[in-house]
N, C-alpha and C. Protein backbone atom coordinates (compact mmCIF):
# COMPACT_ATOMS: atom_id res chain seq x y z
N MET A 1 -171.58 135.83 -72.81
CA MET A 1 -171.43 134.44 -72.45
C MET A 1 -171.03 133.60 -73.66
N LEU A 2 -171.57 133.93 -74.81
CA LEU A 2 -171.28 133.18 -76.02
C LEU A 2 -169.80 133.30 -76.39
N ASN A 3 -169.22 134.50 -76.28
CA ASN A 3 -167.80 134.70 -76.59
C ASN A 3 -166.92 133.92 -75.63
N PHE A 4 -167.29 133.85 -74.36
CA PHE A 4 -166.52 133.12 -73.37
C PHE A 4 -166.48 131.62 -73.71
N LEU A 5 -167.60 131.05 -74.17
CA LEU A 5 -167.63 129.64 -74.52
C LEU A 5 -166.78 129.36 -75.76
N GLN A 6 -166.79 130.30 -76.71
CA GLN A 6 -165.97 130.11 -77.90
C GLN A 6 -164.48 130.16 -77.55
N VAL A 7 -164.11 131.03 -76.64
CA VAL A 7 -162.70 131.11 -76.20
C VAL A 7 -162.31 129.82 -75.49
N ASN A 8 -163.19 129.29 -74.64
CA ASN A 8 -162.89 128.03 -73.96
C ASN A 8 -162.75 126.89 -74.94
N LYS A 9 -163.58 126.84 -75.99
CA LYS A 9 -163.47 125.78 -77.00
C LYS A 9 -162.14 125.90 -77.73
N LEU A 10 -161.73 127.14 -78.04
CA LEU A 10 -160.46 127.35 -78.71
C LEU A 10 -159.29 126.92 -77.82
N LYS A 11 -159.35 127.25 -76.52
CA LYS A 11 -158.31 126.84 -75.59
C LYS A 11 -158.24 125.31 -75.49
N ASN A 12 -159.40 124.66 -75.44
CA ASN A 12 -159.43 123.20 -75.37
C ASN A 12 -158.84 122.58 -76.63
N LYS A 13 -159.13 123.16 -77.80
CA LYS A 13 -158.58 122.63 -79.05
C LYS A 13 -157.06 122.82 -79.08
N LEU A 14 -156.59 123.99 -78.66
CA LEU A 14 -155.14 124.22 -78.63
C LEU A 14 -154.44 123.29 -77.64
N PHE A 15 -155.05 123.09 -76.47
CA PHE A 15 -154.47 122.18 -75.48
C PHE A 15 -154.45 120.75 -76.02
N GLY A 16 -155.52 120.34 -76.67
CA GLY A 16 -155.58 118.99 -77.25
C GLY A 16 -154.55 118.81 -78.35
N CYS A 17 -154.39 119.83 -79.18
CA CYS A 17 -153.39 119.77 -80.26
C CYS A 17 -151.98 119.69 -79.68
N LEU A 18 -151.71 120.50 -78.64
CA LEU A 18 -150.39 120.47 -77.99
C LEU A 18 -150.13 119.12 -77.34
N LEU A 19 -151.12 118.56 -76.68
CA LEU A 19 -150.98 117.25 -76.05
C LEU A 19 -150.72 116.17 -77.09
N PHE A 20 -151.44 116.23 -78.21
CA PHE A 20 -151.24 115.27 -79.29
C PHE A 20 -149.83 115.36 -79.86
N CYS A 21 -149.34 116.59 -80.09
CA CYS A 21 -147.98 116.77 -80.62
C CYS A 21 -146.93 116.24 -79.66
N MET A 22 -147.10 116.49 -78.36
CA MET A 22 -146.13 116.00 -77.38
C MET A 22 -146.15 114.48 -77.30
N LEU A 23 -147.32 113.87 -77.38
CA LEU A 23 -147.39 112.41 -77.36
C LEU A 23 -146.71 111.82 -78.59
N CYS A 24 -146.94 112.42 -79.75
CA CYS A 24 -146.27 111.93 -80.97
C CYS A 24 -144.76 112.06 -80.85
N PHE A 25 -144.30 113.19 -80.30
CA PHE A 25 -142.86 113.42 -80.18
C PHE A 25 -142.21 112.41 -79.24
N PHE A 26 -142.81 112.20 -78.06
CA PHE A 26 -142.18 111.31 -77.08
C PHE A 26 -142.40 109.84 -77.41
N SER A 27 -143.48 109.51 -78.12
CA SER A 27 -143.68 108.10 -78.48
C SER A 27 -142.78 107.70 -79.63
N ASN A 28 -142.26 108.66 -80.37
CA ASN A 28 -141.37 108.38 -81.48
C ASN A 28 -139.99 107.94 -80.99
N ARG A 29 -139.67 108.21 -79.75
CA ARG A 29 -138.36 107.85 -79.20
C ARG A 29 -138.40 106.43 -78.64
N SER A 30 -137.52 105.60 -79.14
CA SER A 30 -137.46 104.23 -78.65
C SER A 30 -136.35 104.12 -77.62
N PHE A 31 -136.36 103.05 -76.85
CA PHE A 31 -135.37 102.89 -75.79
C PHE A 31 -134.00 102.55 -76.35
N GLY A 32 -133.92 102.06 -77.58
CA GLY A 32 -132.63 101.72 -78.18
C GLY A 32 -131.86 102.94 -78.64
N GLN A 33 -132.55 104.06 -78.84
CA GLN A 33 -131.87 105.26 -79.32
C GLN A 33 -131.46 106.12 -78.15
N GLN A 34 -130.27 106.67 -78.24
CA GLN A 34 -129.77 107.54 -77.19
C GLN A 34 -129.28 108.84 -77.80
N ASP A 35 -129.40 109.90 -77.05
CA ASP A 35 -128.84 111.16 -77.47
C ASP A 35 -127.33 111.12 -77.21
N THR A 36 -126.58 111.85 -78.03
CA THR A 36 -125.14 111.88 -77.84
C THR A 36 -124.64 113.32 -77.84
N PHE A 37 -123.55 113.53 -77.15
CA PHE A 37 -122.86 114.81 -77.11
C PHE A 37 -121.45 114.57 -77.61
N ASP A 38 -121.01 115.35 -78.61
CA ASP A 38 -119.69 115.20 -79.20
C ASP A 38 -118.85 116.43 -78.92
N PHE A 39 -117.57 116.22 -78.77
CA PHE A 39 -116.65 117.35 -78.76
C PHE A 39 -115.39 116.93 -79.49
N GLY A 40 -114.77 117.90 -80.18
CA GLY A 40 -113.61 117.54 -80.98
C GLY A 40 -112.77 118.73 -81.35
N VAL A 41 -111.71 118.43 -82.10
CA VAL A 41 -110.75 119.43 -82.53
C VAL A 41 -110.21 119.00 -83.89
N GLY A 42 -109.83 120.01 -84.70
CA GLY A 42 -109.25 119.69 -85.99
C GLY A 42 -108.72 120.92 -86.70
N PRO A 43 -107.81 120.72 -87.65
CA PRO A 43 -107.29 121.83 -88.45
C PRO A 43 -108.20 122.10 -89.65
N PHE A 44 -108.33 123.37 -90.04
CA PHE A 44 -109.11 123.77 -91.20
C PHE A 44 -108.25 124.68 -92.05
N ILE A 45 -108.51 124.68 -93.35
CA ILE A 45 -107.78 125.55 -94.28
C ILE A 45 -108.78 126.27 -95.16
N SER A 46 -108.49 127.51 -95.48
CA SER A 46 -109.32 128.29 -96.39
C SER A 46 -109.12 127.77 -97.80
N VAL A 47 -110.21 127.55 -98.53
CA VAL A 47 -110.12 127.02 -99.89
C VAL A 47 -109.58 128.08 -100.85
N GLY A 48 -110.02 129.32 -100.68
CA GLY A 48 -109.61 130.38 -101.59
C GLY A 48 -108.27 131.01 -101.29
N LEU A 49 -107.81 130.93 -100.04
CA LEU A 49 -106.53 131.54 -99.65
C LEU A 49 -105.77 130.53 -98.78
N GLN A 50 -104.87 129.79 -99.41
CA GLN A 50 -104.20 128.69 -98.71
C GLN A 50 -103.24 129.16 -97.64
N GLN A 51 -102.94 130.45 -97.57
CA GLN A 51 -102.06 130.96 -96.51
C GLN A 51 -102.84 131.13 -95.20
N GLU A 52 -104.13 130.85 -95.24
CA GLU A 52 -104.98 131.05 -94.07
C GLU A 52 -105.44 129.68 -93.57
N TRP A 53 -105.16 129.38 -92.32
CA TRP A 53 -105.55 128.11 -91.73
C TRP A 53 -106.08 128.36 -90.33
N ALA A 54 -106.74 127.34 -89.77
CA ALA A 54 -107.39 127.53 -88.47
C ALA A 54 -107.31 126.25 -87.65
N ILE A 55 -107.43 126.44 -86.37
CA ILE A 55 -107.66 125.35 -85.43
C ILE A 55 -109.09 125.51 -84.93
N GLN A 56 -109.87 124.44 -85.03
CA GLN A 56 -111.28 124.53 -84.68
C GLN A 56 -111.61 123.63 -83.50
N LEU A 57 -112.33 124.19 -82.54
CA LEU A 57 -112.91 123.43 -81.43
C LEU A 57 -114.40 123.34 -81.69
N ARG A 58 -114.99 122.18 -81.46
CA ARG A 58 -116.40 122.01 -81.76
C ARG A 58 -117.10 121.17 -80.69
N ALA A 59 -118.37 121.44 -80.54
CA ALA A 59 -119.24 120.65 -79.66
C ALA A 59 -120.54 120.41 -80.40
N GLY A 60 -121.01 119.19 -80.38
CA GLY A 60 -122.23 118.84 -81.10
C GLY A 60 -123.17 118.02 -80.25
N TYR A 61 -124.44 118.09 -80.59
CA TYR A 61 -125.48 117.35 -79.88
C TYR A 61 -126.37 116.66 -80.90
N HIS A 62 -126.47 115.32 -80.80
CA HIS A 62 -127.34 114.52 -81.67
C HIS A 62 -128.63 114.24 -80.93
N THR A 63 -129.76 114.53 -81.57
CA THR A 63 -131.05 114.17 -80.98
C THR A 63 -131.58 112.93 -81.69
N PHE A 64 -131.78 111.89 -80.97
CA PHE A 64 -132.33 110.64 -81.50
C PHE A 64 -131.55 110.16 -82.73
N HIS A 65 -130.31 110.51 -82.82
CA HIS A 65 -129.43 110.17 -83.95
C HIS A 65 -129.97 110.71 -85.27
N LYS A 66 -130.72 111.78 -85.24
CA LYS A 66 -131.21 112.42 -86.46
C LYS A 66 -130.58 113.80 -86.60
N PHE A 67 -131.16 114.79 -85.97
CA PHE A 67 -130.63 116.15 -86.08
C PHE A 67 -129.33 116.26 -85.29
N TYR A 68 -128.43 117.04 -85.83
CA TYR A 68 -127.11 117.23 -85.23
C TYR A 68 -126.89 118.73 -85.10
N TYR A 69 -126.93 119.23 -83.87
CA TYR A 69 -126.71 120.65 -83.60
C TYR A 69 -125.23 120.84 -83.29
N LEU A 70 -124.62 121.81 -83.95
CA LEU A 70 -123.17 121.95 -83.87
C LEU A 70 -122.79 123.39 -83.55
N ALA A 71 -121.90 123.56 -82.59
CA ALA A 71 -121.33 124.87 -82.26
C ALA A 71 -119.81 124.76 -82.47
N GLU A 72 -119.26 125.77 -83.17
CA GLU A 72 -117.85 125.72 -83.53
C GLU A 72 -117.17 127.04 -83.18
N TYR A 73 -115.93 126.94 -82.76
CA TYR A 73 -115.09 128.12 -82.59
C TYR A 73 -113.79 127.87 -83.36
N SER A 74 -113.48 128.77 -84.28
CA SER A 74 -112.26 128.64 -85.09
C SER A 74 -111.35 129.83 -84.84
N SER A 75 -110.09 129.55 -84.63
CA SER A 75 -109.07 130.58 -84.49
C SER A 75 -108.19 130.52 -85.74
N TYR A 76 -108.28 131.55 -86.59
CA TYR A 76 -107.58 131.60 -87.87
C TYR A 76 -106.24 132.29 -87.73
N PHE A 77 -105.30 131.84 -88.57
CA PHE A 77 -103.97 132.42 -88.66
C PHE A 77 -103.68 132.69 -90.13
N ARG A 78 -103.14 133.87 -90.42
CA ARG A 78 -102.83 134.23 -91.80
C ARG A 78 -101.43 134.82 -91.85
N ARG A 79 -100.64 134.36 -92.81
CA ARG A 79 -99.32 134.94 -93.05
C ARG A 79 -99.45 135.88 -94.23
N ASN A 80 -99.13 137.12 -94.00
CA ASN A 80 -99.26 138.14 -95.03
C ASN A 80 -97.96 138.94 -95.12
N LYS A 81 -97.09 138.57 -96.05
CA LYS A 81 -95.81 139.27 -96.28
C LYS A 81 -94.99 139.39 -95.00
N GLY A 82 -94.83 138.28 -94.31
CA GLY A 82 -94.04 138.26 -93.08
C GLY A 82 -94.80 138.71 -91.85
N ASN A 83 -96.00 139.23 -92.01
CA ASN A 83 -96.81 139.69 -90.89
C ASN A 83 -97.86 138.63 -90.57
N ASN A 84 -97.90 138.16 -89.36
CA ASN A 84 -98.88 137.16 -88.96
C ASN A 84 -100.12 137.83 -88.38
N GLU A 85 -101.29 137.45 -88.87
CA GLU A 85 -102.55 137.97 -88.37
C GLU A 85 -103.32 136.83 -87.73
N GLN A 86 -104.14 137.16 -86.74
CA GLN A 86 -104.99 136.17 -86.09
C GLN A 86 -106.37 136.76 -85.89
N PHE A 87 -107.41 135.97 -86.19
CA PHE A 87 -108.79 136.39 -86.00
C PHE A 87 -109.62 135.15 -85.73
N SER A 88 -110.88 135.35 -85.34
CA SER A 88 -111.73 134.25 -84.88
C SER A 88 -113.05 134.21 -85.63
N GLU A 89 -113.70 133.04 -85.52
CA GLU A 89 -115.00 132.82 -86.14
C GLU A 89 -115.81 131.89 -85.23
N ILE A 90 -117.09 132.18 -85.10
CA ILE A 90 -118.00 131.34 -84.32
C ILE A 90 -119.12 130.89 -85.24
N GLY A 91 -119.45 129.62 -85.22
CA GLY A 91 -120.49 129.10 -86.09
C GLY A 91 -121.47 128.23 -85.33
N LEU A 92 -122.74 128.32 -85.70
CA LEU A 92 -123.82 127.48 -85.17
C LEU A 92 -124.55 126.88 -86.36
N SER A 93 -124.83 125.58 -86.31
CA SER A 93 -125.50 124.96 -87.44
C SER A 93 -126.41 123.82 -86.99
N VAL A 94 -127.36 123.52 -87.86
CA VAL A 94 -128.26 122.38 -87.69
C VAL A 94 -128.03 121.47 -88.88
N ASN A 95 -127.73 120.21 -88.62
CA ASN A 95 -127.40 119.26 -89.67
C ASN A 95 -128.35 118.07 -89.61
N TYR A 96 -128.53 117.43 -90.77
CA TYR A 96 -129.41 116.27 -90.86
C TYR A 96 -128.69 115.21 -91.70
N PRO A 97 -128.79 113.92 -91.31
CA PRO A 97 -128.10 112.89 -92.10
C PRO A 97 -128.70 112.77 -93.50
N ILE A 98 -127.83 112.83 -94.50
CA ILE A 98 -128.27 112.73 -95.89
C ILE A 98 -128.23 111.28 -96.36
N PHE A 99 -127.10 110.62 -96.15
CA PHE A 99 -126.98 109.22 -96.54
C PHE A 99 -125.86 108.57 -95.75
N LYS A 100 -125.77 107.24 -95.90
CA LYS A 100 -124.74 106.47 -95.21
C LYS A 100 -124.11 105.52 -96.22
N ILE A 101 -122.78 105.58 -96.32
CA ILE A 101 -122.03 104.69 -97.21
C ILE A 101 -121.11 103.86 -96.34
N LEU A 102 -121.27 102.55 -96.40
CA LEU A 102 -120.54 101.63 -95.54
C LEU A 102 -120.72 102.10 -94.09
N ARG A 103 -119.68 102.56 -93.44
CA ARG A 103 -119.82 103.04 -92.06
C ARG A 103 -119.75 104.55 -91.96
N ILE A 104 -119.61 105.25 -93.09
CA ILE A 104 -119.48 106.70 -93.09
C ILE A 104 -120.87 107.32 -93.16
N LYS A 105 -121.18 108.17 -92.21
CA LYS A 105 -122.45 108.89 -92.18
C LYS A 105 -122.20 110.32 -92.67
N VAL A 106 -122.97 110.75 -93.67
CA VAL A 106 -122.80 112.08 -94.26
C VAL A 106 -123.97 112.97 -93.87
N PHE A 107 -123.66 114.14 -93.32
CA PHE A 107 -124.65 115.13 -92.89
C PHE A 107 -124.59 116.34 -93.81
N GLY A 108 -125.71 116.99 -93.96
CA GLY A 108 -125.78 118.28 -94.64
C GLY A 108 -126.50 119.25 -93.72
N GLY A 109 -126.11 120.51 -93.75
CA GLY A 109 -126.75 121.44 -92.84
C GLY A 109 -126.60 122.89 -93.22
N LEU A 110 -127.35 123.70 -92.50
CA LEU A 110 -127.32 125.15 -92.64
C LEU A 110 -126.88 125.76 -91.33
N GLY A 111 -126.18 126.89 -91.41
CA GLY A 111 -125.71 127.49 -90.18
C GLY A 111 -125.53 128.99 -90.27
N TYR A 112 -125.25 129.56 -89.13
CA TYR A 112 -124.99 130.98 -88.95
C TYR A 112 -123.52 131.14 -88.59
N VAL A 113 -122.84 132.13 -89.18
CA VAL A 113 -121.42 132.36 -88.93
C VAL A 113 -121.24 133.79 -88.43
N LEU A 114 -120.49 133.91 -87.36
CA LEU A 114 -120.11 135.21 -86.80
C LEU A 114 -118.61 135.33 -86.99
N TYR A 115 -118.20 136.17 -87.92
CA TYR A 115 -116.80 136.35 -88.27
C TYR A 115 -116.29 137.58 -87.52
N LEU A 116 -115.38 137.41 -86.61
CA LEU A 116 -114.95 138.48 -85.72
C LEU A 116 -113.83 139.33 -86.31
N GLU A 117 -114.02 139.75 -87.54
CA GLU A 117 -113.06 140.57 -88.27
C GLU A 117 -113.84 141.27 -89.38
N PRO A 118 -113.61 142.55 -89.62
CA PRO A 118 -114.32 143.20 -90.73
C PRO A 118 -113.87 142.61 -92.07
N ILE A 119 -114.82 142.45 -92.99
CA ILE A 119 -114.53 141.88 -94.30
C ILE A 119 -114.52 143.01 -95.32
N ASN A 120 -113.50 143.03 -96.17
CA ASN A 120 -113.38 144.02 -97.22
C ASN A 120 -114.37 143.66 -98.34
N LYS A 121 -115.40 144.46 -98.54
CA LYS A 121 -116.42 144.16 -99.54
C LYS A 121 -115.92 144.35 -100.97
N SER A 122 -114.83 145.04 -101.15
CA SER A 122 -114.33 145.29 -102.51
C SER A 122 -113.36 144.20 -102.99
N GLY A 123 -113.16 143.16 -102.19
CA GLY A 123 -112.27 142.07 -102.59
C GLY A 123 -112.83 141.30 -103.77
N SER A 124 -111.95 140.68 -104.55
CA SER A 124 -112.39 139.98 -105.77
C SER A 124 -113.21 138.73 -105.46
N ASP A 125 -112.95 138.04 -104.35
CA ASP A 125 -113.67 136.81 -104.00
C ASP A 125 -114.81 137.06 -103.01
N THR A 126 -115.11 138.32 -102.69
CA THR A 126 -116.09 138.63 -101.67
C THR A 126 -117.46 138.85 -102.30
N THR A 127 -118.51 138.34 -101.66
CA THR A 127 -119.88 138.54 -102.13
C THR A 127 -120.53 139.63 -101.29
N THR A 128 -121.81 139.83 -101.52
CA THR A 128 -122.56 140.82 -100.73
C THR A 128 -123.62 140.15 -99.87
N PHE A 129 -123.54 138.85 -99.68
CA PHE A 129 -124.54 138.11 -98.92
C PHE A 129 -124.17 137.99 -97.45
N PHE A 130 -123.77 139.08 -96.84
CA PHE A 130 -123.47 139.10 -95.42
C PHE A 130 -123.70 140.51 -94.91
N ILE A 131 -123.69 140.65 -93.59
CA ILE A 131 -123.95 141.94 -92.95
C ILE A 131 -122.74 142.29 -92.09
N ASN A 132 -122.22 143.50 -92.26
CA ASN A 132 -121.16 144.01 -91.39
C ASN A 132 -121.78 144.87 -90.31
N SER A 133 -121.38 144.66 -89.08
CA SER A 133 -121.80 145.54 -87.98
C SER A 133 -120.56 145.85 -87.16
N GLY A 134 -119.90 146.94 -87.54
CA GLY A 134 -118.66 147.30 -86.86
C GLY A 134 -117.53 146.37 -87.27
N ASP A 135 -116.90 145.75 -86.29
CA ASP A 135 -115.80 144.82 -86.55
C ASP A 135 -116.26 143.38 -86.67
N VAL A 136 -117.57 143.16 -86.73
CA VAL A 136 -118.13 141.80 -86.77
C VAL A 136 -118.92 141.65 -88.06
N SER A 137 -118.78 140.48 -88.71
CA SER A 137 -119.54 140.18 -89.93
C SER A 137 -120.43 138.98 -89.66
N HIS A 138 -121.67 139.04 -90.13
CA HIS A 138 -122.66 137.97 -89.94
C HIS A 138 -122.95 137.34 -91.30
N GLY A 139 -122.94 136.02 -91.35
CA GLY A 139 -123.21 135.34 -92.61
C GLY A 139 -123.84 133.98 -92.40
N LEU A 140 -124.07 133.28 -93.49
CA LEU A 140 -124.66 131.95 -93.48
C LEU A 140 -123.65 130.96 -94.03
N GLN A 141 -123.87 129.69 -93.72
CA GLN A 141 -123.00 128.65 -94.26
C GLN A 141 -123.82 127.42 -94.60
N LEU A 142 -123.38 126.75 -95.65
CA LEU A 142 -123.91 125.46 -96.05
C LEU A 142 -122.79 124.47 -95.82
N LYS A 143 -123.05 123.42 -95.06
CA LYS A 143 -121.96 122.52 -94.70
C LYS A 143 -122.30 121.08 -95.03
N PHE A 144 -121.25 120.35 -95.38
CA PHE A 144 -121.32 118.91 -95.61
C PHE A 144 -120.28 118.26 -94.72
N ASN A 145 -120.72 117.30 -93.91
CA ASN A 145 -119.89 116.72 -92.87
C ASN A 145 -119.98 115.21 -92.97
N GLY A 146 -118.84 114.54 -93.01
CA GLY A 146 -118.79 113.08 -93.00
C GLY A 146 -118.12 112.58 -91.73
N ARG A 147 -118.67 111.49 -91.17
CA ARG A 147 -118.12 110.92 -89.93
C ARG A 147 -117.85 109.44 -90.12
N LEU A 148 -116.63 109.04 -89.78
CA LEU A 148 -116.23 107.64 -89.84
C LEU A 148 -115.91 107.17 -88.43
N PRO A 149 -116.62 106.15 -87.92
CA PRO A 149 -116.29 105.66 -86.57
C PRO A 149 -114.96 104.91 -86.56
N LEU A 150 -114.08 105.30 -85.65
CA LEU A 150 -112.81 104.61 -85.46
C LEU A 150 -112.90 103.60 -84.34
N SER A 151 -113.74 103.89 -83.35
CA SER A 151 -114.03 102.97 -82.25
C SER A 151 -115.46 103.27 -81.80
N GLU A 152 -115.83 102.74 -80.64
CA GLU A 152 -117.19 102.94 -80.16
C GLU A 152 -117.50 104.41 -79.89
N ARG A 153 -116.52 105.16 -79.41
CA ARG A 153 -116.75 106.56 -79.05
C ARG A 153 -115.92 107.57 -79.83
N LEU A 154 -114.97 107.13 -80.61
CA LEU A 154 -114.07 108.02 -81.33
C LEU A 154 -114.41 108.03 -82.82
N TYR A 155 -114.50 109.23 -83.41
CA TYR A 155 -114.86 109.40 -84.81
C TYR A 155 -113.83 110.27 -85.51
N LEU A 156 -113.65 110.01 -86.79
CA LEU A 156 -112.88 110.88 -87.66
C LEU A 156 -113.89 111.66 -88.50
N PHE A 157 -113.75 112.99 -88.56
CA PHE A 157 -114.69 113.76 -89.37
C PHE A 157 -113.94 114.54 -90.43
N ALA A 158 -114.63 114.79 -91.53
CA ALA A 158 -114.15 115.68 -92.59
C ALA A 158 -115.32 116.57 -92.96
N GLU A 159 -115.02 117.83 -93.25
CA GLU A 159 -116.10 118.79 -93.45
C GLU A 159 -115.72 119.83 -94.50
N TYR A 160 -116.71 120.22 -95.31
CA TYR A 160 -116.54 121.30 -96.28
C TYR A 160 -117.63 122.32 -96.02
N ASN A 161 -117.26 123.59 -95.89
CA ASN A 161 -118.20 124.67 -95.60
C ASN A 161 -118.22 125.69 -96.73
N PHE A 162 -119.40 125.96 -97.28
CA PHE A 162 -119.61 127.05 -98.21
C PHE A 162 -120.16 128.22 -97.39
N LYS A 163 -119.46 129.35 -97.39
CA LYS A 163 -119.89 130.49 -96.58
C LYS A 163 -120.35 131.62 -97.48
N SER A 164 -121.30 132.42 -96.99
CA SER A 164 -121.88 133.49 -97.79
C SER A 164 -120.95 134.69 -97.95
N PHE A 165 -119.77 134.66 -97.34
CA PHE A 165 -118.82 135.76 -97.46
C PHE A 165 -118.11 135.75 -98.81
N GLY A 166 -118.00 134.60 -99.43
CA GLY A 166 -117.31 134.47 -100.71
C GLY A 166 -116.40 133.26 -100.70
N LYS A 167 -115.85 132.93 -101.88
CA LYS A 167 -115.06 131.71 -102.04
C LYS A 167 -113.82 131.71 -101.15
N ARG A 168 -113.21 132.86 -100.91
CA ARG A 168 -112.01 132.91 -100.08
C ARG A 168 -112.27 132.40 -98.67
N PHE A 169 -113.50 132.50 -98.19
CA PHE A 169 -113.84 132.15 -96.82
C PHE A 169 -114.37 130.71 -96.69
N ASP A 170 -114.56 130.00 -97.82
CA ASP A 170 -114.96 128.60 -97.76
C ASP A 170 -113.82 127.79 -97.15
N THR A 171 -114.17 126.78 -96.35
CA THR A 171 -113.14 126.02 -95.64
C THR A 171 -113.31 124.52 -95.81
N PHE A 172 -112.21 123.82 -95.67
CA PHE A 172 -112.19 122.36 -95.61
C PHE A 172 -111.37 121.97 -94.39
N GLY A 173 -111.85 120.97 -93.66
CA GLY A 173 -111.11 120.52 -92.48
C GLY A 173 -111.43 119.10 -92.11
N PHE A 174 -110.68 118.60 -91.18
CA PHE A 174 -110.88 117.24 -90.66
C PHE A 174 -110.43 117.24 -89.21
N GLY A 175 -110.72 116.17 -88.50
CA GLY A 175 -110.30 116.09 -87.12
C GLY A 175 -110.90 114.89 -86.41
N LEU A 176 -110.82 114.90 -85.10
CA LEU A 176 -111.30 113.81 -84.27
C LEU A 176 -112.43 114.30 -83.38
N LEU A 177 -113.41 113.43 -83.19
CA LEU A 177 -114.54 113.69 -82.29
C LEU A 177 -114.61 112.60 -81.25
N TYR A 178 -114.93 112.97 -80.04
CA TYR A 178 -115.19 112.01 -78.96
C TYR A 178 -116.66 112.14 -78.59
N SER A 179 -117.37 111.03 -78.55
CA SER A 179 -118.81 111.03 -78.35
C SER A 179 -119.18 110.40 -77.01
N ILE A 180 -120.12 111.05 -76.32
CA ILE A 180 -120.65 110.55 -75.06
C ILE A 180 -122.14 110.33 -75.21
N GLU A 181 -122.62 109.13 -74.91
CA GLU A 181 -124.04 108.82 -75.01
C GLU A 181 -124.69 108.96 -73.65
N PHE A 182 -125.93 109.44 -73.65
CA PHE A 182 -126.70 109.54 -72.42
C PHE A 182 -128.17 109.39 -72.75
N MET A 183 -128.96 109.09 -71.74
CA MET A 183 -130.42 108.92 -71.92
C MET A 183 -131.12 110.20 -71.63
């Protein structure tokens, strides 16, 4: 009987803690703040290999205008001695606003990159901070993203990505975002 009462006390404490956390989370949201969903497109270029460029489609979700969850799909094109190659990359990241200058909001974030092409580990610009699994490479990215509002719903973005594959795979890009607000 004594063990049963201790388990019930523990359950009550856990339930109380969970209830307190949920109240804090939902009371922190004011009616003036809205969640937003962004989608956009833009060109990207490899910093280490300028013959490699990409078209990127992206979708993002802002929670309470703080955290920014971003999903990206990039289709890369490379010209190699008259031979054109094409490969893809998928990225997921979590970003947080670092600072705001005038109307430009700057985010910094960490993300996961799925590179749908095997990476040559013996390349001069390649690191060892990624995992190859067959024809797919898994890595991390550190990103810095700036957003300038052009209108109420349209934004211009610029972004620099440091990827764990090596300097050749770091990218810079810009483009347009369209934002939809909802409650």
